[in-house]
Protein backbone atom coordinates (compact mmCIF):
# COMPACT_ATOMS: atom_id res chain seq x y z
CA MET A 1 -18.26 -22.82 -18.06
CA LYS A 2 -17.99 -19.06 -17.96
CA TYR A 3 -15.23 -17.79 -15.74
CA GLU A 4 -16.17 -14.90 -13.45
CA LEU A 5 -14.33 -12.26 -11.49
CA PRO A 6 -13.97 -13.57 -7.92
CA LYS A 7 -15.34 -11.44 -5.11
CA LEU A 8 -12.65 -9.21 -3.66
CA PRO A 9 -12.25 -10.21 0.02
CA TYR A 10 -11.98 -6.60 1.26
CA ALA A 11 -12.90 -3.04 0.26
CA TYR A 12 -10.79 -1.12 -2.25
CA ASP A 13 -9.38 1.10 0.49
CA ALA A 14 -8.78 -1.70 3.00
CA LEU A 15 -5.05 -1.99 2.23
CA GLU A 16 -4.33 1.72 2.66
CA PRO A 17 -1.81 3.27 3.04
CA TYR A 18 0.26 0.48 1.50
CA ILE A 19 -1.92 -0.24 -1.55
CA ASP A 20 -4.11 2.73 -2.52
CA ALA A 21 -7.83 2.44 -3.19
CA LYS A 22 -7.75 3.75 -6.75
CA THR A 23 -5.07 1.24 -7.79
CA MET A 24 -7.08 -1.58 -6.22
CA GLU A 25 -10.25 -0.54 -8.02
CA VAL A 26 -8.64 -0.18 -11.45
CA HIS A 27 -6.50 -3.30 -11.02
CA TYR A 28 -9.48 -5.42 -10.02
CA THR A 29 -12.33 -4.05 -12.14
CA LYS A 30 -10.37 -3.26 -15.31
CA HIS A 31 -7.25 -5.42 -15.56
CA HIS A 32 -8.49 -8.59 -13.88
CA GLN A 33 -11.89 -8.31 -15.57
CA ALA A 34 -10.18 -8.06 -18.96
CA TYR A 35 -8.31 -11.31 -18.35
CA VAL A 36 -11.57 -13.04 -17.46
CA ASP A 37 -13.37 -11.69 -20.53
CA ASN A 38 -10.56 -12.59 -22.92
CA LEU A 39 -10.20 -16.09 -21.45
CA ASN A 40 -13.92 -16.73 -21.91
CA ALA A 41 -13.77 -15.44 -25.47
CA ALA A 42 -10.90 -17.79 -26.29
CA LEU A 43 -12.62 -20.83 -24.78
CA GLU A 44 -15.79 -20.19 -26.77
CA LYS A 45 -13.84 -21.45 -29.78
CA HIS A 46 -13.27 -24.82 -28.10
CA PRO A 47 -16.29 -25.76 -25.97
CA GLU A 48 -14.86 -29.27 -25.54
CA ILE A 49 -12.33 -27.89 -23.02
CA ALA A 50 -14.34 -24.95 -21.66
CA ASP A 51 -15.50 -26.90 -18.59
CA LYS A 52 -12.05 -27.97 -17.50
CA PRO A 53 -10.70 -26.31 -14.32
CA LEU A 54 -8.31 -23.50 -15.11
CA GLU A 55 -5.50 -25.10 -13.12
CA GLU A 56 -5.87 -28.22 -15.27
CA LEU A 57 -5.67 -26.16 -18.47
CA LEU A 58 -2.58 -24.30 -17.29
CA GLY A 59 -0.96 -27.45 -15.92
CA ALA A 60 -1.19 -29.09 -19.33
CA ILE A 61 -0.84 -25.98 -21.48
CA ASP A 62 0.73 -27.90 -24.38
CA ALA A 63 -2.50 -29.92 -24.67
CA VAL A 64 -4.62 -26.79 -25.20
CA PRO A 65 -5.54 -26.34 -28.88
CA GLU A 66 -2.80 -24.40 -30.59
CA ASP A 67 -5.04 -21.63 -31.91
CA ILE A 68 -6.01 -20.54 -28.38
CA ARG A 69 -2.95 -21.76 -26.44
CA THR A 70 -1.33 -18.34 -26.17
CA ALA A 71 -4.61 -16.72 -25.12
CA VAL A 72 -5.19 -19.33 -22.40
CA ARG A 73 -1.61 -18.98 -21.20
CA ASN A 74 -1.82 -15.18 -21.05
CA HIS A 75 -5.42 -14.51 -20.06
CA GLY A 76 -5.96 -17.73 -18.13
CA GLY A 77 -2.71 -17.09 -16.33
CA GLY A 78 -3.76 -13.51 -15.65
CA HIS A 79 -7.05 -14.67 -14.17
CA ALA A 80 -5.42 -17.39 -12.06
CA ASN A 81 -2.57 -15.17 -10.87
CA HIS A 82 -4.79 -12.28 -9.84
CA SER A 83 -7.29 -14.58 -8.14
CA LEU A 84 -4.41 -15.76 -5.95
CA PHE A 85 -2.90 -12.31 -5.49
CA TRP A 86 -6.00 -10.82 -3.86
CA THR A 87 -6.10 -13.62 -1.27
CA PHE A 88 -2.46 -13.17 -0.32
CA MET A 89 -3.18 -9.69 1.04
CA ALA A 90 -5.32 -8.66 3.99
CA PRO A 91 -6.20 -5.36 5.70
CA PRO A 92 -3.65 -4.15 8.25
CA ALA A 93 -6.39 -4.10 10.89
CA THR A 94 -6.78 -7.89 10.79
CA GLY A 95 -4.66 -10.35 12.72
CA ALA A 96 -3.52 -12.07 9.53
CA VAL A 97 -0.91 -9.44 8.70
CA GLN A 98 2.06 -8.08 10.64
CA THR A 99 2.44 -4.32 10.87
CA ASP A 100 4.56 -4.09 14.03
CA PRO A 101 8.19 -3.59 12.91
CA ALA A 102 9.52 -6.35 15.15
CA ALA A 103 6.85 -8.83 14.07
CA LEU A 104 7.29 -7.83 10.43
CA ALA A 105 11.02 -8.50 10.64
CA LYS A 106 10.48 -11.83 12.39
CA GLY A 107 7.96 -13.17 9.90
CA PRO A 108 5.30 -15.85 10.35
CA GLY A 109 5.43 -18.52 12.98
CA GLY A 110 4.21 -22.09 12.99
CA LYS A 111 4.69 -24.48 10.10
CA THR A 112 5.10 -21.62 7.62
CA GLY A 113 7.95 -20.10 9.55
CA GLU A 114 9.60 -23.49 9.99
CA ALA A 115 9.38 -24.20 6.25
CA ILE A 116 10.83 -20.80 5.37
CA ASN A 117 13.67 -21.23 7.85
CA ALA A 118 14.45 -24.69 6.49
CA ALA A 119 14.58 -23.45 2.90
CA PHE A 120 16.23 -20.05 3.31
CA GLY A 121 17.97 -20.01 6.70
CA ASP A 122 15.66 -17.46 8.29
CA PHE A 123 12.85 -15.10 7.41
CA GLY A 124 15.17 -12.17 6.82
CA LYS A 125 17.08 -14.09 4.16
CA PHE A 126 13.84 -15.23 2.54
CA ARG A 127 12.46 -11.69 2.46
CA GLU A 128 15.68 -10.38 0.98
CA GLU A 129 15.67 -13.05 -1.74
CA PHE A 130 11.98 -12.57 -2.55
CA SER A 131 12.23 -8.77 -2.66
CA GLY A 132 15.42 -8.96 -4.70
CA ALA A 133 13.79 -11.25 -7.24
CA ALA A 134 10.77 -8.94 -7.52
CA LYS A 135 12.98 -5.89 -8.06
CA LYS A 136 14.89 -7.68 -10.83
CA VAL A 137 11.88 -8.74 -12.90
CA PHE A 138 12.48 -7.11 -16.27
CA GLY A 139 9.35 -5.43 -17.55
CA SER A 140 6.14 -7.10 -16.40
CA GLY A 141 5.84 -10.24 -14.34
CA TRP A 142 5.40 -11.90 -10.97
CA THR A 143 7.52 -13.20 -8.10
CA TRP A 144 6.41 -16.33 -6.26
CA LEU A 145 7.04 -18.52 -3.27
CA VAL A 146 6.35 -22.03 -4.53
CA VAL A 147 6.47 -25.60 -3.32
CA ARG A 148 8.58 -27.70 -5.67
CA LYS A 149 7.79 -31.26 -6.60
CA ASP A 150 10.23 -32.46 -3.93
CA GLY A 151 8.32 -30.51 -1.27
CA ALA A 152 10.94 -27.80 -0.77
CA LEU A 153 10.17 -24.09 -0.96
CA ALA A 154 11.71 -21.88 -3.63
CA VAL A 155 11.48 -18.30 -4.88
CA ILE A 156 10.93 -17.91 -8.63
CA SER A 157 9.82 -15.18 -11.01
CA THR A 158 7.69 -15.56 -14.12
CA PRO A 159 7.31 -13.16 -17.05
CA ASN A 160 4.04 -11.61 -18.17
CA GLN A 161 1.12 -13.68 -16.82
CA ASP A 162 2.87 -17.06 -16.82
CA SER A 163 1.76 -19.28 -13.94
CA PRO A 164 4.04 -21.56 -11.90
CA VAL A 165 1.37 -24.22 -12.42
CA THR A 166 2.62 -24.62 -16.01
CA GLN A 167 5.94 -25.73 -14.47
CA GLY A 168 4.34 -28.22 -12.11
CA LEU A 169 4.91 -25.95 -9.10
CA LYS A 170 2.47 -25.10 -6.29
CA PRO A 171 2.20 -21.35 -5.61
CA ILE A 172 1.72 -20.31 -1.98
CA LEU A 173 2.53 -16.57 -2.21
CA CYS A 174 2.84 -14.10 -5.08
CA LEU A 175 3.56 -10.48 -5.81
CA ASP A 176 2.38 -8.70 -8.96
CA VAL A 177 5.12 -6.42 -10.29
CA TRP A 178 3.35 -5.24 -13.42
CA GLU A 179 3.37 -1.44 -13.40
CA HIS A 180 -0.42 -1.33 -13.25
CA ALA A 181 -0.17 -2.88 -9.75
CA TYR A 182 1.62 0.13 -8.30
CA TYR A 183 2.15 3.01 -10.73
CA LEU A 184 -0.68 5.31 -9.57
CA LYS A 185 0.85 5.53 -6.10
CA TYR A 186 4.51 4.64 -6.50
CA GLN A 187 5.20 5.66 -10.13
CA ASN A 188 8.57 4.12 -11.05
CA ARG A 189 9.49 3.29 -7.44
CA ARG A 190 8.99 -0.44 -7.59
CA PRO A 191 11.30 -1.15 -4.60
CA GLU A 192 9.14 1.12 -2.41
CA TYR A 193 6.00 -0.72 -3.52
CA ILE A 194 7.62 -4.06 -2.71
CA GLU A 195 8.63 -2.97 0.78
CA SER A 196 5.14 -1.60 1.45
CA TRP A 197 3.52 -4.82 0.26
CA TRP A 198 5.12 -6.83 3.06
CA HIS A 199 2.84 -4.95 5.50
CA VAL A 200 -0.27 -6.55 4.00
CA VAL A 201 0.87 -10.12 3.33
CA ASN A 202 -1.80 -12.53 4.53
CA TRP A 203 0.26 -15.20 6.26
CA ASP A 204 -2.87 -17.10 7.27
CA GLU A 205 -3.58 -17.71 3.57
CA VAL A 206 0.03 -18.72 2.96
CA ALA A 207 -0.22 -21.25 5.79
CA LYS A 208 -3.47 -22.62 4.40
CA ARG A 209 -1.99 -23.16 0.95
CA LEU A 210 1.20 -24.64 2.36
CA GLY A 211 -1.01 -27.28 4.00
């Protein structure tokens, strides 16, 4: 099975002014495409596992043949992580995101809001913990909202392109804090990028993945 770049669910400029069009284009067509290409190249060496779903490969990474294990972890993780990342953002013009300051501060409602409140106290505390974790990632990596095996929510960070799936965790929101995700617009101002990103979080997708 050849992995392919998933269709981006919006135009490159749809997340302006929070995520700029040029960053989206380069991030999607160059960085994500490279992960797909390198993953396919690695799996060509072991056709006996090439048809397995990527989540299955990452979830049992120690079972992947040793000679391609690092490539699957890095490039497979990069493909999986980015495929999720695009879906967790939506254009400000849609009803899935919250751009009004009061609504943005309040956070999502429904089951998602209840789960966040139960795990973190309230949305403000969750946002502070998530943003703080993203700011503290050393070098390149990701910050996640995950469902643990016991069903509780937790904020974690992973280095490089490591996926929470390798830890048996279910990701329901993620933020890419590699420099290529923000440097064209924000340069070294990662905290500014993080705060802007909250304006385009697709809470409908989070709710769907929470189940």
